[in-house]
Amino acid sequence: MRVRIPILKLNDCLLVSIQWELDDQTALQFQEDLLHKIHETSANGVVIDLTSIDFIDSFIAKVLGDVINMSKLMGAKVVITGIQPAVAITLIELGIGLDDVLTALDLEKGLEKLQQEW
C-alpha cells in the first residue's frame, strides 16, 4: 500500500506537513494529489511544512520545485516552512529555482505570511 501525504484545507488554504523522508513514488503522488486538491477546492494558498525532512535527494528536490511552480501556475501562492539547513543547501546546489517563494520558520508563521499576501 502506498502512503499518501495528507493535505488539509483551512479556509482558502491547503496545509501540507511532510512527516517522513519521501521516496520517488510518494513524491510524484503528492504532486498529483496537491494539484488536484488545488483545482477542486480553488485554494488561494498552500503551506508546505518540511520541518521533519532532514535531507532530500536531487529527484525529490526537483519534484518539490515543480510542485511549487505548478501550484503558482494554478493561482495558489506557496509558502515553504521549516526548511532544514541540509535541505536548503541541496536546493541551492542543485539550482532548484524557488524565486518568489515565501518562506517561514514554522507552520504558524507560514500561515501568517500567506494571509498577509492576500
PDB file of N, CA and C in Angstrom:
ATOM      1  N   MET A   1       0.836  -1.183   0.000  1.00  0.00           N
ATOM      2  CA  MET A   1       0.000   0.000   0.000  1.00  0.00           C
ATOM      3  C   MET A   1       0.879   1.245   0.000  1.00  0.00           C
ATOM      4  N   ARG A   2       0.592   2.155  -0.885  1.00  0.00           N
ATOM      5  CA  ARG A   2       1.344   3.400  -0.998  1.00  0.00           C
ATOM      6  C   ARG A   2       0.836   4.405   0.028  1.00  0.00           C
ATOM      7  N   VAL A   3       1.764   5.050   0.730  1.00  0.00           N
ATOM      8  CA  VAL A   3       1.410   6.052   1.726  1.00  0.00           C
ATOM      9  C   VAL A   3       1.180   7.382   1.022  1.00  0.00           C
ATOM     10  N   ARG A   4       0.116   8.075   1.421  1.00  0.00           N
ATOM     11  CA  ARG A   4      -0.191   9.382   0.840  1.00  0.00           C
ATOM     12  C   ARG A   4       0.025  10.455   1.887  1.00  0.00           C
ATOM     13  N   ILE A   5       0.495  11.599   1.435  1.00  0.00           N
ATOM     14  CA  ILE A   5       0.711  12.733   2.317  1.00  0.00           C
ATOM     15  C   ILE A   5      -0.623  13.448   2.500  1.00  0.00           C
ATOM     16  N   PRO A   6      -1.050  13.647   3.754  1.00  0.00           N
ATOM     17  CA  PRO A   6      -2.322  14.333   3.990  1.00  0.00           C
ATOM     18  C   PRO A   6      -2.260  15.798   3.552  1.00  0.00           C
ATOM     19  N   ILE A   7      -3.341  16.252   2.934  1.00  0.00           N
ATOM     20  CA  ILE A   7      -3.477  17.647   2.515  1.00  0.00           C
ATOM     21  C   ILE A   7      -4.753  18.166   3.164  1.00  0.00           C
ATOM     22  N   LEU A   8      -4.600  19.105   4.098  1.00  0.00           N
ATOM     23  CA  LEU A   8      -5.732  19.628   4.849  1.00  0.00           C
ATOM     24  C   LEU A   8      -6.154  20.977   4.296  1.00  0.00           C
ATOM     25  N   LYS A   9      -7.449  21.244   4.326  1.00  0.00           N
ATOM     26  CA  LYS A   9      -7.978  22.533   3.879  1.00  0.00           C
ATOM     27  C   LYS A   9      -8.344  23.358   5.103  1.00  0.00           C
ATOM     28  N   LEU A  10      -7.886  24.599   5.130  1.00  0.00           N
ATOM     29  CA  LEU A  10      -8.221  25.546   6.179  1.00  0.00           C
ATOM     30  C   LEU A  10      -8.576  26.860   5.505  1.00  0.00           C
ATOM     31  N   ASN A  11      -9.859  27.204   5.519  1.00  0.00           N
ATOM     32  CA  ASN A  11     -10.361  28.379   4.802  1.00  0.00           C
ATOM     33  C   ASN A  11      -9.983  28.266   3.329  1.00  0.00           C
ATOM     34  N   ASP A  12      -9.248  29.238   2.795  1.00  0.00           N
ATOM     35  CA  ASP A  12      -8.850  29.205   1.381  1.00  0.00           C
ATOM     36  C   ASP A  12      -7.438  28.665   1.184  1.00  0.00           C
ATOM     37  N   CYS A  13      -6.958  27.942   2.169  1.00  0.00           N
ATOM     38  CA  CYS A  13      -5.562  27.497   2.155  1.00  0.00           C
ATOM     39  C   CYS A  13      -5.481  25.977   2.313  1.00  0.00           C
ATOM     40  N   LEU A  14      -4.458  25.399   1.706  1.00  0.00           N
ATOM     41  CA  LEU A  14      -4.163  23.982   1.902  1.00  0.00           C
ATOM     42  C   LEU A  14      -2.904  23.867   2.750  1.00  0.00           C
ATOM     43  N   LEU A  15      -2.938  22.971   3.727  1.00  0.00           N
ATOM     44  CA  LEU A  15      -1.803  22.747   4.616  1.00  0.00           C
ATOM     45  C   LEU A  15      -1.248  21.358   4.385  1.00  0.00           C
ATOM     46  N   VAL A  16       0.071  21.303   4.207  1.00  0.00           N
ATOM     47  CA  VAL A  16       0.739  20.031   3.999  1.00  0.00           C
ATOM     48  C   VAL A  16       1.921  19.970   4.957  1.00  0.00           C
ATOM     49  N   SER A  17       1.966  18.929   5.769  1.00  0.00           N
ATOM     50  CA  SER A  17       3.111  18.720   6.645  1.00  0.00           C
ATOM     51  C   SER A  17       3.714  17.372   6.287  1.00  0.00           C
ATOM     52  N   ILE A  18       4.869  17.407   5.670  1.00  0.00           N
ATOM     53  CA  ILE A  18       5.529  16.173   5.244  1.00  0.00           C
ATOM     54  C   ILE A  18       6.302  15.642   6.447  1.00  0.00           C
ATOM     55  N   GLN A  19       5.900  14.476   6.925  1.00  0.00           N
ATOM     56  CA  GLN A  19       6.417  13.947   8.188  1.00  0.00           C
ATOM     57  C   GLN A  19       7.493  12.879   8.044  1.00  0.00           C
ATOM     58  N   TRP A  20       7.820  12.499   6.825  1.00  0.00           N
ATOM     59  CA  TRP A  20       8.827  11.454   6.628  1.00  0.00           C
ATOM     60  C   TRP A  20       9.568  11.721   5.331  1.00  0.00           C
ATOM     61  N   GLU A  21      10.745  11.103   5.218  1.00  0.00           N
ATOM     62  CA  GLU A  21      11.535  11.239   4.001  1.00  0.00           C
ATOM     63  C   GLU A  21      10.737  10.649   2.835  1.00  0.00           C
ATOM     64  N   LEU A  22      10.739  11.346   1.730  1.00  0.00           N
ATOM     65  CA  LEU A  22       9.941  10.933   0.578  1.00  0.00           C
ATOM     66  C   LEU A  22      10.720  10.002  -0.337  1.00  0.00           C
ATOM     67  N   ASP A  23      10.037   8.979  -0.826  1.00  0.00           N
ATOM     68  CA  ASP A  23      10.602   8.191  -1.918  1.00  0.00           C
ATOM     69  C   ASP A  23      10.034   8.758  -3.220  1.00  0.00           C
ATOM     70  N   ASP A  24      10.565   8.315  -4.332  1.00  0.00           N
ATOM     71  CA  ASP A  24      10.173   8.892  -5.622  1.00  0.00           C
ATOM     72  C   ASP A  24       8.674   8.757  -5.901  1.00  0.00           C
ATOM     73  N   GLN A  25       8.102   7.583  -5.652  1.00  0.00           N
ATOM     74  CA  GLN A  25       6.682   7.355  -5.942  1.00  0.00           C
ATOM     75  C   GLN A  25       5.781   8.211  -5.056  1.00  0.00           C
ATOM     76  N   THR A  26       6.137   8.332  -3.780  1.00  0.00           N
ATOM     77  CA  THR A  26       5.334   9.155  -2.871  1.00  0.00           C
ATOM     78  C   THR A  26       5.391  10.617  -3.272  1.00  0.00           C
ATOM     79  N   ALA A  27       6.563  11.075  -3.695  1.00  0.00           N
ATOM     80  CA  ALA A  27       6.718  12.469  -4.129  1.00  0.00           C
ATOM     81  C   ALA A  27       5.861  12.756  -5.359  1.00  0.00           C
ATOM     82  N   LEU A  28       5.869  11.847  -6.317  1.00  0.00           N
ATOM     83  CA  LEU A  28       5.057  12.038  -7.524  1.00  0.00           C
ATOM     84  C   LEU A  28       3.569  11.979  -7.207  1.00  0.00           C
ATOM     85  N   GLN A  29       3.179  11.085  -6.293  1.00  0.00           N
ATOM     86  CA  GLN A  29       1.777  11.003  -5.887  1.00  0.00           C
ATOM     87  C   GLN A  29       1.358  12.278  -5.169  1.00  0.00           C
ATOM     88  N   PHE A  30       2.243  12.816  -4.319  1.00  0.00           N
ATOM     89  CA  PHE A  30       1.969  14.078  -3.626  1.00  0.00           C
ATOM     90  C   PHE A  30       1.759  15.204  -4.632  1.00  0.00           C
ATOM     91  N   GLN A  31       2.611  15.265  -5.645  1.00  0.00           N
ATOM     92  CA  GLN A  31       2.484  16.297  -6.679  1.00  0.00           C
ATOM     93  C   GLN A  31       1.102  16.229  -7.313  1.00  0.00           C
ATOM     94  N   GLU A  32       0.705  15.054  -7.717  1.00  0.00           N
ATOM     95  CA  GLU A  32      -0.602  14.874  -8.362  1.00  0.00           C
ATOM     96  C   GLU A  32      -1.744  15.204  -7.401  1.00  0.00           C
ATOM     97  N   ASP A  33      -1.659  14.703  -6.168  1.00  0.00           N
ATOM     98  CA  ASP A  33      -2.710  14.943  -5.177  1.00  0.00           C
ATOM     99  C   ASP A  33      -2.868  16.428  -4.878  1.00  0.00           C
ATOM    100  N   LEU A  34      -1.750  17.141  -4.703  1.00  0.00           N
ATOM    101  CA  LEU A  34      -1.826  18.560  -4.366  1.00  0.00           C
ATOM    102  C   LEU A  34      -2.452  19.363  -5.501  1.00  0.00           C
ATOM    103  N   LEU A  35      -2.044  19.089  -6.725  1.00  0.00           N
ATOM    104  CA  LEU A  35      -2.606  19.825  -7.859  1.00  0.00           C
ATOM    105  C   LEU A  35      -4.103  19.577  -8.005  1.00  0.00           C
ATOM    106  N   HIS A  36      -4.529  18.334  -7.805  1.00  0.00           N
ATOM    107  CA  HIS A  36      -5.970  18.027  -7.859  1.00  0.00           C
ATOM    108  C   HIS A  36      -6.710  18.740  -6.734  1.00  0.00           C
ATOM    109  N   LYS A  37      -6.122  18.783  -5.546  1.00  0.00           N
ATOM    110  CA  LYS A  37      -6.770  19.431  -4.398  1.00  0.00           C
ATOM    111  C   LYS A  37      -6.878  20.941  -4.624  1.00  0.00           C
ATOM    112  N   ILE A  38      -5.842  21.556  -5.204  1.00  0.00           N
ATOM    113  CA  ILE A  38      -5.911  22.987  -5.529  1.00  0.00           C
ATOM    114  C   ILE A  38      -7.070  23.230  -6.490  1.00  0.00           C
ATOM    115  N   HIS A  39      -7.176  22.390  -7.496  1.00  0.00           N
ATOM    116  CA  HIS A  39      -8.224  22.534  -8.507  1.00  0.00           C
ATOM    117  C   HIS A  39      -9.622  22.365  -7.905  1.00  0.00           C
ATOM    118  N   GLU A  40      -9.805  21.318  -7.109  1.00  0.00           N
ATOM    119  CA  GLU A  40     -11.159  21.041  -6.605  1.00  0.00           C
ATOM    120  C   GLU A  40     -11.593  21.982  -5.487  1.00  0.00           C
ATOM    121  N   THR A  41     -10.648  22.584  -4.758  1.00  0.00           N
ATOM    122  CA  THR A  41     -11.019  23.480  -3.651  1.00  0.00           C
ATOM    123  C   THR A  41     -10.871  24.956  -4.010  1.00  0.00           C
ATOM    124  N   SER A  42     -10.268  25.247  -5.158  1.00  0.00           N
ATOM    125  CA  SER A  42      -9.958  26.627  -5.559  1.00  0.00           C
ATOM    126  C   SER A  42      -9.140  27.348  -4.490  1.00  0.00           C
ATOM    127  N   ALA A  43      -8.218  26.626  -3.884  1.00  0.00           N
ATOM    128  CA  ALA A  43      -7.378  27.195  -2.829  1.00  0.00           C
ATOM    129  C   ALA A  43      -6.532  28.342  -3.377  1.00  0.00           C
ATOM    130  N   ASN A  44      -6.401  29.393  -2.566  1.00  0.00           N
ATOM    131  CA  ASN A  44      -5.579  30.545  -2.939  1.00  0.00           C
ATOM    132  C   ASN A  44      -4.145  30.417  -2.457  1.00  0.00           C
ATOM    133  N   GLY A  45      -3.914  29.507  -1.511  1.00  0.00           N
ATOM    134  CA  GLY A  45      -2.581  29.375  -0.943  1.00  0.00           C
ATOM    135  C   GLY A  45      -2.289  27.965  -0.478  1.00  0.00           C
ATOM    136  N   VAL A  46      -0.999  27.661  -0.410  1.00  0.00           N
ATOM    137  CA  VAL A  46      -0.532  26.356   0.043  1.00  0.00           C
ATOM    138  C   VAL A  46       0.648  26.582   0.982  1.00  0.00           C
ATOM    139  N   VAL A  47       0.590  25.947   2.142  1.00  0.00           N
ATOM    140  CA  VAL A  47       1.727  25.955   3.055  1.00  0.00           C
ATOM    141  C   VAL A  47       2.269  24.535   3.095  1.00  0.00           C
ATOM    142  N   ILE A  48       3.545  24.385   2.722  1.00  0.00           N
ATOM    143  CA  ILE A  48       4.199  23.081   2.747  1.00  0.00           C
ATOM    144  C   ILE A  48       5.250  23.118   3.849  1.00  0.00           C
ATOM    145  N   ASP A  49       5.028  22.306   4.886  1.00  0.00           N
ATOM    146  CA  ASP A  49       5.936  22.277   6.027  1.00  0.00           C
ATOM    147  C   ASP A  49       6.925  21.126   5.875  1.00  0.00           C
ATOM    148  N   LEU A  50       8.219  21.479   5.879  1.00  0.00           N
ATOM    149  CA  LEU A  50       9.282  20.493   5.699  1.00  0.00           C
ATOM    150  C   LEU A  50      10.093  20.278   6.973  1.00  0.00           C
ATOM    151  N   THR A  51       9.560  20.664   8.120  1.00  0.00           N
ATOM    152  CA  THR A  51      10.293  20.602   9.380  1.00  0.00           C
ATOM    153  C   THR A  51      10.881  19.214   9.652  1.00  0.00           C
ATOM    154  N   SER A  52      10.160  18.167   9.326  1.00  0.00           N
ATOM    155  CA  SER A  52      10.606  16.803   9.626  1.00  0.00           C
ATOM    156  C   SER A  52      11.588  16.235   8.602  1.00  0.00           C
ATOM    157  N   ILE A  53      11.855  16.972   7.541  1.00  0.00           N
ATOM    158  CA  ILE A  53      12.734  16.468   6.479  1.00  0.00           C
ATOM    159  C   ILE A  53      14.161  16.954   6.719  1.00  0.00           C
ATOM    160  N   ASP A  54      15.074  16.005   6.940  1.00  0.00           N
ATOM    161  CA  ASP A  54      16.473  16.350   7.211  1.00  0.00           C
ATOM    162  C   ASP A  54      17.312  16.464   5.945  1.00  0.00           C
ATOM    163  N   PHE A  55      16.950  15.735   4.911  1.00  0.00           N
ATOM    164  CA  PHE A  55      17.692  15.794   3.647  1.00  0.00           C
ATOM    165  C   PHE A  55      16.774  15.385   2.509  1.00  0.00           C
ATOM    166  N   ILE A  56      17.127  15.823   1.303  1.00  0.00           N
ATOM    167  CA  ILE A  56      16.401  15.411   0.106  1.00  0.00           C
ATOM    168  C   ILE A  56      17.413  15.092  -0.984  1.00  0.00           C
ATOM    169  N   ASP A  57      17.038  14.190  -1.867  1.00  0.00           N
ATOM    170  CA  ASP A  57      17.914  13.886  -2.997  1.00  0.00           C
ATOM    171  C   ASP A  57      17.524  14.763  -4.183  1.00  0.00           C
ATOM    172  N   SER A  58      18.254  14.619  -5.257  1.00  0.00           N
ATOM    173  CA  SER A  58      18.053  15.508  -6.408  1.00  0.00           C
ATOM    174  C   SER A  58      16.667  15.342  -7.032  1.00  0.00           C
ATOM    175  N   PHE A  59      16.144  14.119  -7.084  1.00  0.00           N
ATOM    176  CA  PHE A  59      14.827  13.915  -7.681  1.00  0.00           C
ATOM    177  C   PHE A  59      13.738  14.562  -6.839  1.00  0.00           C
ATOM    178  N   ILE A  60      13.793  14.369  -5.532  1.00  0.00           N
ATOM    179  CA  ILE A  60      12.790  14.948  -4.631  1.00  0.00           C
ATOM    180  C   ILE A  60      12.877  16.469  -4.680  1.00  0.00           C
ATOM    181  N   ALA A  61      14.086  17.009  -4.742  1.00  0.00           N
ATOM    182  CA  ALA A  61      14.262  18.462  -4.847  1.00  0.00           C
ATOM    183  C   ALA A  61      13.613  18.990  -6.117  1.00  0.00           C
ATOM    184  N   LYS A  62      13.798  18.269  -7.233  1.00  0.00           N
ATOM    185  CA  LYS A  62      13.184  18.693  -8.493  1.00  0.00           C
ATOM    186  C   LYS A  62      11.659  18.631  -8.409  1.00  0.00           C
ATOM    187  N   VAL A  63      11.121  17.558  -7.824  1.00  0.00           N
ATOM    188  CA  VAL A  63       9.671  17.430  -7.677  1.00  0.00           C
ATOM    189  C   VAL A  63       9.129  18.563  -6.808  1.00  0.00           C
ATOM    190  N   LEU A  64       9.823  18.897  -5.727  1.00  0.00           N
ATOM    191  CA  LEU A  64       9.387  19.985  -4.860  1.00  0.00           C
ATOM    192  C   LEU A  64       9.355  21.308  -5.629  1.00  0.00           C
ATOM    193  N   GLY A  65      10.410  21.578  -6.393  1.00  0.00           N
ATOM    194  CA  GLY A  65      10.432  22.787  -7.220  1.00  0.00           C
ATOM    195  C   GLY A  65       9.296  22.799  -8.229  1.00  0.00           C
ATOM    196  N   ASP A  66       9.042  21.653  -8.837  1.00  0.00           N
ATOM    197  CA  ASP A  66       7.949  21.539  -9.810  1.00  0.00           C
ATOM    198  C   ASP A  66       6.588  21.763  -9.149  1.00  0.00           C
ATOM    199  N   VAL A  67       6.391  21.183  -7.968  1.00  0.00           N
ATOM    200  CA  VAL A  67       5.128  21.346  -7.246  1.00  0.00           C
ATOM    201  C   VAL A  67       4.876  22.820  -6.962  1.00  0.00           C
ATOM    202  N   ILE A  68       5.909  23.522  -6.535  1.00  0.00           N
ATOM    203  CA  ILE A  68       5.773  24.943  -6.230  1.00  0.00           C
ATOM    204  C   ILE A  68       5.393  25.726  -7.480  1.00  0.00           C
ATOM    205  N   ASN A  69       6.110  25.491  -8.571  1.00  0.00           N
ATOM    206  CA  ASN A  69       5.831  26.210  -9.820  1.00  0.00           C
ATOM    207  C   ASN A  69       4.458  25.856 -10.388  1.00  0.00           C
ATOM    208  N   MET A  70       4.071  24.597 -10.314  1.00  0.00           N
ATOM    209  CA  MET A  70       2.760  24.178 -10.817  1.00  0.00           C
ATOM    210  C   MET A  70       1.643  24.792  -9.983  1.00  0.00           C
ATOM    211  N   SER A  71       1.833  24.842  -8.668  1.00  0.00           N
ATOM    212  CA  SER A  71       0.827  25.446  -7.787  1.00  0.00           C
ATOM    213  C   SER A  71       0.643  26.918  -8.126  1.00  0.00           C
ATOM    214  N   LYS A  72       1.751  27.610  -8.353  1.00  0.00           N
ATOM    215  CA  LYS A  72       1.675  29.027  -8.716  1.00  0.00           C
ATOM    216  C   LYS A  72       0.960  29.206 -10.048  1.00  0.00           C
ATOM    217  N   LEU A  73       1.207  28.314 -11.001  1.00  0.00           N
ATOM    218  CA  LEU A  73       0.523  28.391 -12.294  1.00  0.00           C
ATOM    219  C   LEU A  73      -0.990  28.224 -12.132  1.00  0.00           C
ATOM    220  N   MET A  74      -1.391  27.491 -11.102  1.00  0.00           N
ATOM    221  CA  MET A  74      -2.810  27.270 -10.854  1.00  0.00           C
ATOM    222  C   MET A  74      -3.413  28.364  -9.976  1.00  0.00           C
ATOM    223  N   GLY A  75      -2.622  29.389  -9.661  1.00  0.00           N
ATOM    224  CA  GLY A  75      -3.132  30.537  -8.929  1.00  0.00           C
ATOM    225  C   GLY A  75      -2.995  30.480  -7.424  1.00  0.00           C
ATOM    226  N   ALA A  76      -2.248  29.523  -6.905  1.00  0.00           N
ATOM    227  CA  ALA A  76      -2.079  29.397  -5.457  1.00  0.00           C
ATOM    228  C   ALA A  76      -0.692  29.883  -5.043  1.00  0.00           C
ATOM    229  N   LYS A  77      -0.646  30.805  -4.095  1.00  0.00           N
ATOM    230  CA  LYS A  77       0.631  31.239  -3.531  1.00  0.00           C
ATOM    231  C   LYS A  77       1.154  30.123  -2.638  1.00  0.00           C
ATOM    232  N   VAL A  78       2.470  29.958  -2.626  1.00  0.00           N
ATOM    233  CA  VAL A  78       3.083  28.878  -1.860  1.00  0.00           C
ATOM    234  C   VAL A  78       4.023  29.448  -0.810  1.00  0.00           C
ATOM    235  N   VAL A  79       3.919  28.909   0.401  1.00  0.00           N
ATOM    236  CA  VAL A  79       4.863  29.218   1.471  1.00  0.00           C
ATOM    237  C   VAL A  79       5.496  27.899   1.901  1.00  0.00           C
ATOM    238  N   ILE A  80       6.813  27.877   1.962  1.00  0.00           N
ATOM    239  CA  ILE A  80       7.550  26.715   2.445  1.00  0.00           C
ATOM    240  C   ILE A  80       8.012  27.025   3.858  1.00  0.00           C
ATOM    241  N   THR A  81       7.756  26.112   4.785  1.00  0.00           N
ATOM    242  CA  THR A  81       8.157  26.346   6.167  1.00  0.00           C
ATOM    243  C   THR A  81       9.079  25.232   6.659  1.00  0.00           C
ATOM    244  N   GLY A  82       9.878  25.584   7.648  1.00  0.00           N
ATOM    245  CA  GLY A  82      10.699  24.592   8.334  1.00  0.00           C
ATOM    246  C   GLY A  82      11.831  23.994   7.534  1.00  0.00           C
ATOM    247  N   ILE A  83      12.403  24.730   6.601  1.00  0.00           N
ATOM    248  CA  ILE A  83      13.495  24.179   5.785  1.00  0.00           C
ATOM    249  C   ILE A  83      14.729  23.977   6.659  1.00  0.00           C
ATOM    250  N   GLN A  84      15.218  22.750   6.695  1.00  0.00           N
ATOM    251  CA  GLN A  84      16.423  22.408   7.450  1.00  0.00           C
ATOM    252  C   GLN A  84      17.662  22.838   6.655  1.00  0.00           C
ATOM    253  N   PRO A  85      18.787  23.095   7.327  1.00  0.00           N
ATOM    254  CA  PRO A  85      19.999  23.553   6.628  1.00  0.00           C
ATOM    255  C   PRO A  85      20.429  22.654   5.469  1.00  0.00           C
ATOM    256  N   ALA A  86      20.425  21.341   5.671  1.00  0.00           N
ATOM    257  CA  ALA A  86      20.863  20.434   4.604  1.00  0.00           C
ATOM    258  C   ALA A  86      19.942  20.495   3.391  1.00  0.00           C
ATOM    259  N   VAL A  87      18.651  20.694   3.636  1.00  0.00           N
ATOM    260  CA  VAL A  87      17.685  20.803   2.536  1.00  0.00           C
ATOM    261  C   VAL A  87      17.931  22.096   1.763  1.00  0.00           C
ATOM    262  N   ALA A  88      18.160  23.190   2.484  1.00  0.00           N
ATOM    263  CA  ALA A  88      18.443  24.475   1.827  1.00  0.00           C
ATOM    264  C   ALA A  88      19.697  24.367   0.966  1.00  0.00           C
ATOM    265  N   ILE A  89      20.728  23.746   1.497  1.00  0.00           N
ATOM    266  CA  ILE A  89      21.981  23.587   0.753  1.00  0.00           C
ATOM    267  C   ILE A  89      21.742  22.770  -0.513  1.00  0.00           C
ATOM    268  N   THR A  90      21.022  21.665  -0.378  1.00  0.00           N
ATOM    269  CA  THR A  90      20.749  20.802  -1.533  1.00  0.00           C
ATOM    270  C   THR A  90      19.982  21.558  -2.613  1.00  0.00           C
ATOM    271  N   LEU A  91      18.937  22.285  -2.225  1.00  0.00           N
ATOM    272  CA  LEU A  91      18.133  23.022  -3.212  1.00  0.00           C
ATOM    273  C   LEU A  91      18.992  24.024  -3.972  1.00  0.00           C
ATOM    274  N   ILE A  92      19.834  24.762  -3.267  1.00  0.00           N
ATOM    275  CA  ILE A  92      20.686  25.766  -3.920  1.00  0.00           C
ATOM    276  C   ILE A  92      21.735  25.100  -4.801  1.00  0.00           C
ATOM    277  N   GLU A  93      22.393  24.060  -4.292  1.00  0.00           N
ATOM    278  CA  GLU A  93      23.426  23.378  -5.078  1.00  0.00           C
ATOM    279  C   GLU A  93      22.872  22.766  -6.352  1.00  0.00           C
ATOM    280  N   LEU A  94      21.615  22.324  -6.322  1.00  0.00           N
ATOM    281  CA  LEU A  94      21.002  21.717  -7.500  1.00  0.00           C
ATOM    282  C   LEU A  94      20.384  22.754  -8.436  1.00  0.00           C
ATOM    283  N   GLY A  95      20.394  24.017  -8.007  1.00  0.00           N
ATOM    284  CA  GLY A  95      19.844  25.066  -8.850  1.00  0.00           C
ATOM    285  C   GLY A  95      18.333  25.039  -8.942  1.00  0.00           C
ATOM    286  N   ILE A  96      17.677  24.487  -7.921  1.00  0.00           N
ATOM    287  CA  ILE A  96      16.214  24.445  -7.915  1.00  0.00           C
ATOM    288  C   ILE A  96      15.724  25.858  -7.640  1.00  0.00           C
ATOM    289  N   GLY A  97      15.054  26.436  -8.630  1.00  0.00           N
ATOM    290  CA  GLY A  97      14.619  27.818  -8.533  1.00  0.00           C
ATOM    291  C   GLY A  97      13.405  27.976  -7.634  1.00  0.00           C
ATOM    292  N   LEU A  98      13.586  28.663  -6.543  1.00  0.00           N
ATOM    293  CA  LEU A  98      12.472  28.963  -5.653  1.00  0.00           C
ATOM    294  C   LEU A  98      12.255  30.467  -5.618  1.00  0.00           C
ATOM    295  N   ASP A  99      12.413  31.076  -6.787  1.00  0.00           N
ATOM    296  CA  ASP A  99      12.221  32.515  -6.885  1.00  0.00           C
ATOM    297  C   ASP A  99      10.786  32.865  -6.505  1.00  0.00           C
ATOM    298  N   ASP A 100      10.643  33.947  -5.787  1.00  0.00           N
ATOM    299  CA  ASP A 100       9.330  34.448  -5.378  1.00  0.00           C
ATOM    300  C   ASP A 100       8.549  33.479  -4.504  1.00  0.00           C
ATOM    301  N   VAL A 101       9.236  32.520  -3.876  1.00  0.00           N
ATOM    302  CA  VAL A 101       8.568  31.611  -2.960  1.00  0.00           C
ATOM    303  C   VAL A 101       8.753  32.158  -1.549  1.00  0.00           C
ATOM    304  N   LEU A 102       7.642  32.308  -0.858  1.00  0.00           N
ATOM    305  CA  LEU A 102       7.703  32.773   0.516  1.00  0.00           C
ATOM    306  C   LEU A 102       8.184  31.647   1.415  1.00  0.00           C
ATOM    307  N   THR A 103       8.955  31.999   2.443  1.00  0.00           N
ATOM    308  CA  THR A 103       9.412  31.001   3.404  1.00  0.00           C
ATOM    309  C   THR A 103       9.152  31.519   4.811  1.00  0.00           C
ATOM    310  N   ALA A 104       9.056  30.588   5.746  1.00  0.00           N
ATOM    311  CA  ALA A 104       8.862  30.934   7.145  1.00  0.00           C
ATOM    312  C   ALA A 104       9.482  29.833   8.002  1.00  0.00           C
ATOM    313  N   LEU A 105       9.730  30.171   9.259  1.00  0.00           N
ATOM    314  CA  LEU A 105      10.364  29.211  10.151  1.00  0.00           C
ATOM    315  C   LEU A 105       9.456  28.053  10.543  1.00  0.00           C
ATOM    316  N   ASP A 106       8.154  28.335  10.717  1.00  0.00           N
ATOM    317  CA  ASP A 106       7.249  27.267  11.130  1.00  0.00           C
ATOM    318  C   ASP A 106       5.876  27.458  10.484  1.00  0.00           C
ATOM    319  N   LEU A 107       5.014  26.495  10.721  1.00  0.00           N
ATOM    320  CA  LEU A 107       3.694  26.477  10.088  1.00  0.00           C
ATOM    321  C   LEU A 107       2.858  27.699  10.472  1.00  0.00           C
ATOM    322  N   GLU A 108       2.885  28.074  11.731  1.00  0.00           N
ATOM    323  CA  GLU A 108       2.111  29.228  12.182  1.00  0.00           C
ATOM    324  C   GLU A 108       2.553  30.509  11.474  1.00  0.00           C
ATOM    325  N   LYS A 109       3.856  30.731  11.392  1.00  0.00           N
ATOM    326  CA  LYS A 109       4.378  31.921  10.713  1.00  0.00           C
ATOM    327  C   LYS A 109       4.112  31.847   9.208  1.00  0.00           C
ATOM    328  N   GLY A 110       4.113  30.635   8.678  1.00  0.00           N
ATOM    329  CA  GLY A 110       3.805  30.451   7.268  1.00  0.00           C
ATOM    330  C   GLY A 110       2.376  30.849   6.937  1.00  0.00           C
ATOM    331  N   LEU A 111       1.439  30.472   7.785  1.00  0.00           N
ATOM    332  CA  LEU A 111       0.045  30.863   7.590  1.00  0.00           C
ATOM    333  C   LEU A 111      -0.114  32.377   7.701  1.00  0.00           C
ATOM    334  N   GLU A 112       0.558  32.983   8.667  1.00  0.00           N
ATOM    335  CA  GLU A 112       0.505  34.441   8.823  1.00  0.00           C
ATOM    336  C   GLU A 112       1.031  35.136   7.569  1.00  0.00           C
ATOM    337  N   LYS A 113       2.158  34.637   7.059  1.00  0.00           N
ATOM    338  CA  LYS A 113       2.764  35.241   5.877  1.00  0.00           C
ATOM    339  C   LYS A 113       1.842  35.118   4.674  1.00  0.00           C
ATOM    340  N   LEU A 114       1.199  33.974   4.532  1.00  0.00           N
ATOM    341  CA  LEU A 114       0.276  33.752   3.423  1.00  0.00           C
ATOM    342  C   LEU A 114      -0.916  34.704   3.524  1.00  0.00           C
ATOM    343  N   GLN A 115      -1.455  34.881   4.714  1.00  0.00           N
ATOM    344  CA  GLN A 115      -2.591  35.772   4.897  1.00  0.00           C
ATOM    345  C   GLN A 115      -2.214  37.224   4.634  1.00  0.00           C
ATOM    346  N   GLN A 116      -0.977  37.599   4.912  1.00  0.00           N
ATOM    347  CA  GLN A 116      -0.506  38.964   4.622  1.00  0.00           C
ATOM    348  C   GLN A 116      -0.465  39.217   3.116  1.00  0.00           C
ATOM    349  N   GLU A 117      -0.261  38.180   2.339  1.00  0.00           N
ATOM    350  CA  GLU A 117      -0.152  38.318   0.885  1.00  0.00           C
ATOM    351  C   GLU A 117      -1.508  38.529   0.226  1.00  0.00           C
ATOM    352  N   TRP A 118      -2.590  38.179   0.918  1.00  0.00           N
ATOM    353  CA  TRP A 118      -3.933  38.305   0.337  1.00  0.00           C
ATOM    354  C   TRP A 118      -4.393  39.674   0.543  1.00  0.00           C
TER     355      TRP A 118
END
